[in-house]
Amino acid sequence: MKHVLFVCGTGGITSAVAENRVIEACLAAGLKVQTRRCTPAAIDSNLDGIDLIVSTTYLAGDYPAEVINAISLITGIGCDAVLEEIVSKLK
């Protein structure tokens, strides 16, 4: 099972939208994922066991897991390419 952290400005709406799209894509690819959501300020306390960070907001700094910019999951523009990248990184 892979662990994904979703980050947005408030840790709520946009990360939930991104999270749902990623979960659907992972299930379709036969991947099981466990997810968490947080704000940028709370990333450090949510990194334990995380394989990938999916963010709909700008993140400064270095993290032990790769960060994927996922604003496309909100706008819909380039959404399929981002989902393919995420699934590929989690395989």
N, C-alpha and C. Protein backbone atom coordinates (compact mmCIF):
# COMPACT_ATOMS: atom_id res chain seq x y z
N MET A 1 0.85 -1.17 0.00
CA MET A 1 0.00 0.00 0.00
C MET A 1 0.89 1.24 0.00
N LYS A 2 0.53 2.21 -0.83
CA LYS A 2 1.26 3.47 -0.91
C LYS A 2 0.53 4.53 -0.09
N HIS A 3 1.30 5.48 0.42
CA HIS A 3 0.76 6.55 1.26
C HIS A 3 0.98 7.89 0.58
N VAL A 4 -0.11 8.64 0.41
CA VAL A 4 -0.07 9.91 -0.31
C VAL A 4 -0.60 11.02 0.60
N LEU A 5 0.15 12.13 0.64
CA LEU A 5 -0.25 13.31 1.40
C LEU A 5 -0.75 14.36 0.42
N PHE A 6 -1.97 14.84 0.63
CA PHE A 6 -2.56 15.88 -0.21
C PHE A 6 -2.49 17.20 0.54
N VAL A 7 -1.98 18.23 -0.13
CA VAL A 7 -1.78 19.53 0.51
C VAL A 7 -2.49 20.61 -0.29
N CYS A 8 -3.24 21.44 0.43
CA CYS A 8 -3.82 22.64 -0.18
C CYS A 8 -3.81 23.75 0.86
N GLY A 9 -4.20 24.93 0.47
CA GLY A 9 -4.13 26.09 1.35
C GLY A 9 -4.81 25.91 2.69
N THR A 10 -5.96 25.26 2.71
CA THR A 10 -6.70 25.08 3.96
C THR A 10 -6.81 23.62 4.38
N GLY A 11 -6.29 22.70 3.59
CA GLY A 11 -6.37 21.28 3.91
C GLY A 11 -7.77 20.72 3.74
N GLY A 12 -8.58 21.39 2.94
CA GLY A 12 -9.97 20.99 2.81
C GLY A 12 -10.43 20.70 1.40
N ILE A 13 -11.11 21.66 0.80
CA ILE A 13 -11.84 21.44 -0.44
C ILE A 13 -10.97 21.01 -1.62
N THR A 14 -9.96 21.81 -1.97
CA THR A 14 -9.19 21.45 -3.17
C THR A 14 -8.39 20.18 -2.98
N SER A 15 -7.90 19.95 -1.77
CA SER A 15 -7.17 18.69 -1.56
C SER A 15 -8.12 17.50 -1.61
N ALA A 16 -9.36 17.69 -1.19
CA ALA A 16 -10.36 16.61 -1.26
C ALA A 16 -10.68 16.26 -2.71
N VAL A 17 -10.80 17.28 -3.55
CA VAL A 17 -11.07 17.04 -4.98
C VAL A 17 -9.90 16.28 -5.60
N ALA A 18 -8.68 16.74 -5.34
CA ALA A 18 -7.50 16.07 -5.87
C ALA A 18 -7.40 14.64 -5.33
N GLU A 19 -7.65 14.48 -4.05
CA GLU A 19 -7.59 13.17 -3.41
C GLU A 19 -8.56 12.19 -4.07
N ASN A 20 -9.78 12.60 -4.30
CA ASN A 20 -10.77 11.72 -4.93
C ASN A 20 -10.36 11.30 -6.33
N ARG A 21 -9.82 12.24 -7.10
CA ARG A 21 -9.39 11.91 -8.46
C ARG A 21 -8.22 10.93 -8.45
N VAL A 22 -7.29 11.14 -7.54
CA VAL A 22 -6.13 10.24 -7.46
C VAL A 22 -6.55 8.85 -6.98
N ILE A 23 -7.42 8.78 -5.99
CA ILE A 23 -7.89 7.48 -5.51
C ILE A 23 -8.56 6.71 -6.64
N GLU A 24 -9.41 7.37 -7.41
CA GLU A 24 -10.08 6.71 -8.54
C GLU A 24 -9.07 6.19 -9.56
N ALA A 25 -8.08 7.02 -9.89
CA ALA A 25 -7.06 6.61 -10.87
C ALA A 25 -6.23 5.45 -10.35
N CYS A 26 -5.90 5.49 -9.08
CA CYS A 26 -5.11 4.40 -8.48
C CYS A 26 -5.90 3.09 -8.45
N LEU A 27 -7.15 3.17 -8.07
CA LEU A 27 -7.99 1.96 -8.06
C LEU A 27 -8.10 1.36 -9.45
N ALA A 28 -8.27 2.23 -10.46
CA ALA A 28 -8.36 1.76 -11.84
C ALA A 28 -7.06 1.08 -12.29
N ALA A 29 -5.94 1.51 -11.69
CA ALA A 29 -4.63 0.93 -12.03
C ALA A 29 -4.27 -0.25 -11.12
N GLY A 30 -5.18 -0.60 -10.22
CA GLY A 30 -4.93 -1.72 -9.33
C GLY A 30 -4.05 -1.39 -8.13
N LEU A 31 -3.91 -0.10 -7.82
CA LEU A 31 -3.08 0.33 -6.69
C LEU A 31 -3.94 0.65 -5.48
N LYS A 32 -3.47 0.23 -4.32
CA LYS A 32 -4.14 0.60 -3.07
C LYS A 32 -3.38 1.77 -2.47
N VAL A 33 -4.11 2.80 -2.08
CA VAL A 33 -3.47 3.96 -1.47
C VAL A 33 -4.16 4.33 -0.17
N GLN A 34 -3.37 4.85 0.73
CA GLN A 34 -3.90 5.43 1.95
C GLN A 34 -3.54 6.91 1.88
N THR A 35 -4.50 7.77 2.22
CA THR A 35 -4.29 9.20 2.03
C THR A 35 -4.47 9.99 3.32
N ARG A 36 -3.85 11.16 3.31
CA ARG A 36 -4.02 12.16 4.37
C ARG A 36 -4.08 13.52 3.70
N ARG A 37 -4.71 14.48 4.38
CA ARG A 37 -4.78 15.86 3.89
C ARG A 37 -4.24 16.80 4.95
N CYS A 38 -3.61 17.89 4.49
CA CYS A 38 -3.15 18.89 5.44
C CYS A 38 -2.89 20.22 4.74
N THR A 39 -2.57 21.22 5.54
CA THR A 39 -2.17 22.53 5.03
C THR A 39 -0.65 22.54 4.87
N PRO A 40 -0.10 23.52 4.14
CA PRO A 40 1.35 23.60 4.02
C PRO A 40 2.06 23.71 5.37
N ALA A 41 1.46 24.40 6.31
CA ALA A 41 2.07 24.57 7.63
C ALA A 41 2.15 23.26 8.41
N ALA A 42 1.33 22.29 8.06
CA ALA A 42 1.28 21.02 8.79
C ALA A 42 2.00 19.87 8.09
N ILE A 43 2.69 20.15 7.01
CA ILE A 43 3.35 19.07 6.26
C ILE A 43 4.32 18.29 7.13
N ASP A 44 5.20 18.99 7.82
CA ASP A 44 6.25 18.31 8.58
C ASP A 44 5.69 17.29 9.58
N SER A 45 4.55 17.57 10.15
CA SER A 45 3.97 16.65 11.13
C SER A 45 3.16 15.53 10.47
N ASN A 46 3.09 15.52 9.14
CA ASN A 46 2.33 14.50 8.41
C ASN A 46 3.18 13.67 7.45
N LEU A 47 4.49 13.77 7.53
CA LEU A 47 5.36 13.11 6.56
C LEU A 47 5.68 11.66 6.86
N ASP A 48 5.43 11.20 8.06
CA ASP A 48 5.80 9.84 8.44
C ASP A 48 5.14 8.81 7.53
N GLY A 49 5.96 8.05 6.82
CA GLY A 49 5.46 6.98 5.96
C GLY A 49 4.92 7.42 4.61
N ILE A 50 5.05 8.69 4.28
CA ILE A 50 4.48 9.22 3.03
C ILE A 50 5.39 8.87 1.84
N ASP A 51 4.79 8.33 0.77
CA ASP A 51 5.51 8.00 -0.45
C ASP A 51 5.49 9.12 -1.48
N LEU A 52 4.44 9.95 -1.45
CA LEU A 52 4.28 11.00 -2.44
C LEU A 52 3.45 12.13 -1.85
N ILE A 53 3.82 13.37 -2.20
CA ILE A 53 3.05 14.55 -1.80
C ILE A 53 2.40 15.12 -3.04
N VAL A 54 1.09 15.31 -2.99
CA VAL A 54 0.33 15.88 -4.10
C VAL A 54 -0.22 17.21 -3.60
N SER A 55 0.21 18.30 -4.25
CA SER A 55 -0.14 19.62 -3.75
C SER A 55 -0.86 20.47 -4.79
N THR A 56 -1.87 21.19 -4.33
CA THR A 56 -2.58 22.12 -5.20
C THR A 56 -2.18 23.56 -4.88
N THR A 57 -1.12 23.72 -4.11
CA THR A 57 -0.61 25.04 -3.77
C THR A 57 0.92 25.01 -3.85
N TYR A 58 1.53 26.18 -3.88
CA TYR A 58 2.99 26.26 -3.94
C TYR A 58 3.60 25.77 -2.63
N LEU A 59 4.61 24.94 -2.74
CA LEU A 59 5.33 24.47 -1.56
C LEU A 59 6.80 24.83 -1.69
N ALA A 60 7.31 25.52 -0.69
CA ALA A 60 8.74 25.84 -0.65
C ALA A 60 9.42 24.84 0.27
N GLY A 61 10.63 24.49 -0.05
CA GLY A 61 11.38 23.59 0.82
C GLY A 61 11.61 22.24 0.20
N ASP A 62 12.40 21.46 0.90
CA ASP A 62 12.71 20.09 0.48
C ASP A 62 11.98 19.12 1.40
N TYR A 63 11.47 18.06 0.80
CA TYR A 63 10.73 17.06 1.55
C TYR A 63 11.27 15.68 1.21
N PRO A 64 11.14 14.73 2.12
CA PRO A 64 11.66 13.39 1.87
C PRO A 64 10.89 12.62 0.80
N ALA A 65 9.70 13.08 0.47
CA ALA A 65 8.90 12.47 -0.59
C ALA A 65 8.80 13.45 -1.75
N GLU A 66 8.69 12.93 -2.96
CA GLU A 66 8.55 13.79 -4.13
C GLU A 66 7.24 14.56 -4.06
N VAL A 67 7.28 15.81 -4.56
CA VAL A 67 6.10 16.67 -4.59
C VAL A 67 5.61 16.77 -6.03
N ILE A 68 4.33 16.50 -6.24
CA ILE A 68 3.69 16.65 -7.55
C ILE A 68 2.76 17.85 -7.48
N ASN A 69 2.93 18.80 -8.41
CA ASN A 69 2.02 19.94 -8.51
C ASN A 69 0.75 19.44 -9.18
N ALA A 70 -0.36 19.55 -8.46
CA ALA A 70 -1.60 18.95 -8.95
C ALA A 70 -2.73 19.94 -9.16
N ILE A 71 -2.40 21.19 -9.45
CA ILE A 71 -3.45 22.17 -9.70
C ILE A 71 -4.31 21.74 -10.89
N SER A 72 -3.73 20.95 -11.80
CA SER A 72 -4.49 20.44 -12.95
C SER A 72 -5.67 19.58 -12.53
N LEU A 73 -5.57 18.95 -11.36
CA LEU A 73 -6.68 18.12 -10.88
C LEU A 73 -7.87 18.98 -10.47
N ILE A 74 -7.62 20.26 -10.24
CA ILE A 74 -8.69 21.20 -9.89
C ILE A 74 -9.23 21.88 -11.14
N THR A 75 -8.31 22.34 -12.01
CA THR A 75 -8.74 23.06 -13.21
C THR A 75 -9.26 22.14 -14.30
N GLY A 76 -8.77 20.89 -14.30
CA GLY A 76 -9.15 19.95 -15.34
C GLY A 76 -8.24 20.01 -16.55
N ILE A 77 -7.43 21.06 -16.65
CA ILE A 77 -6.52 21.22 -17.79
C ILE A 77 -5.26 20.41 -17.52
N GLY A 78 -5.03 19.40 -18.32
CA GLY A 78 -3.88 18.53 -18.13
C GLY A 78 -4.07 17.50 -17.03
N CYS A 79 -5.29 17.31 -16.61
CA CYS A 79 -5.62 16.40 -15.51
C CYS A 79 -5.16 14.97 -15.78
N ASP A 80 -5.42 14.46 -16.96
CA ASP A 80 -5.07 13.07 -17.27
C ASP A 80 -3.56 12.84 -17.19
N ALA A 81 -2.78 13.81 -17.67
CA ALA A 81 -1.32 13.67 -17.63
C ALA A 81 -0.81 13.64 -16.19
N VAL A 82 -1.38 14.47 -15.34
CA VAL A 82 -0.96 14.50 -13.93
C VAL A 82 -1.36 13.20 -13.24
N LEU A 83 -2.54 12.71 -13.52
CA LEU A 83 -2.97 11.44 -12.93
C LEU A 83 -2.06 10.29 -13.38
N GLU A 84 -1.69 10.29 -14.65
CA GLU A 84 -0.77 9.26 -15.15
C GLU A 84 0.58 9.35 -14.45
N GLU A 85 1.07 10.57 -14.25
CA GLU A 85 2.35 10.77 -13.55
C GLU A 85 2.28 10.24 -12.12
N ILE A 86 1.19 10.56 -11.43
CA ILE A 86 1.02 10.13 -10.04
C ILE A 86 0.97 8.61 -9.96
N VAL A 87 0.16 7.99 -10.80
CA VAL A 87 0.04 6.53 -10.80
C VAL A 87 1.40 5.90 -11.11
N SER A 88 2.11 6.46 -12.07
CA SER A 88 3.43 5.94 -12.43
C SER A 88 4.41 6.03 -11.25
N LYS A 89 4.39 7.13 -10.53
CA LYS A 89 5.29 7.31 -9.38
C LYS A 89 4.95 6.33 -8.25
N LEU A 90 3.70 5.94 -8.15
CA LEU A 90 3.27 5.06 -7.06
C LEU A 90 3.44 3.58 -7.38
N LYS A 91 3.71 3.25 -8.63
CA LYS A 91 3.89 1.83 -9.01
C LYS A 91 5.24 1.32 -8.54
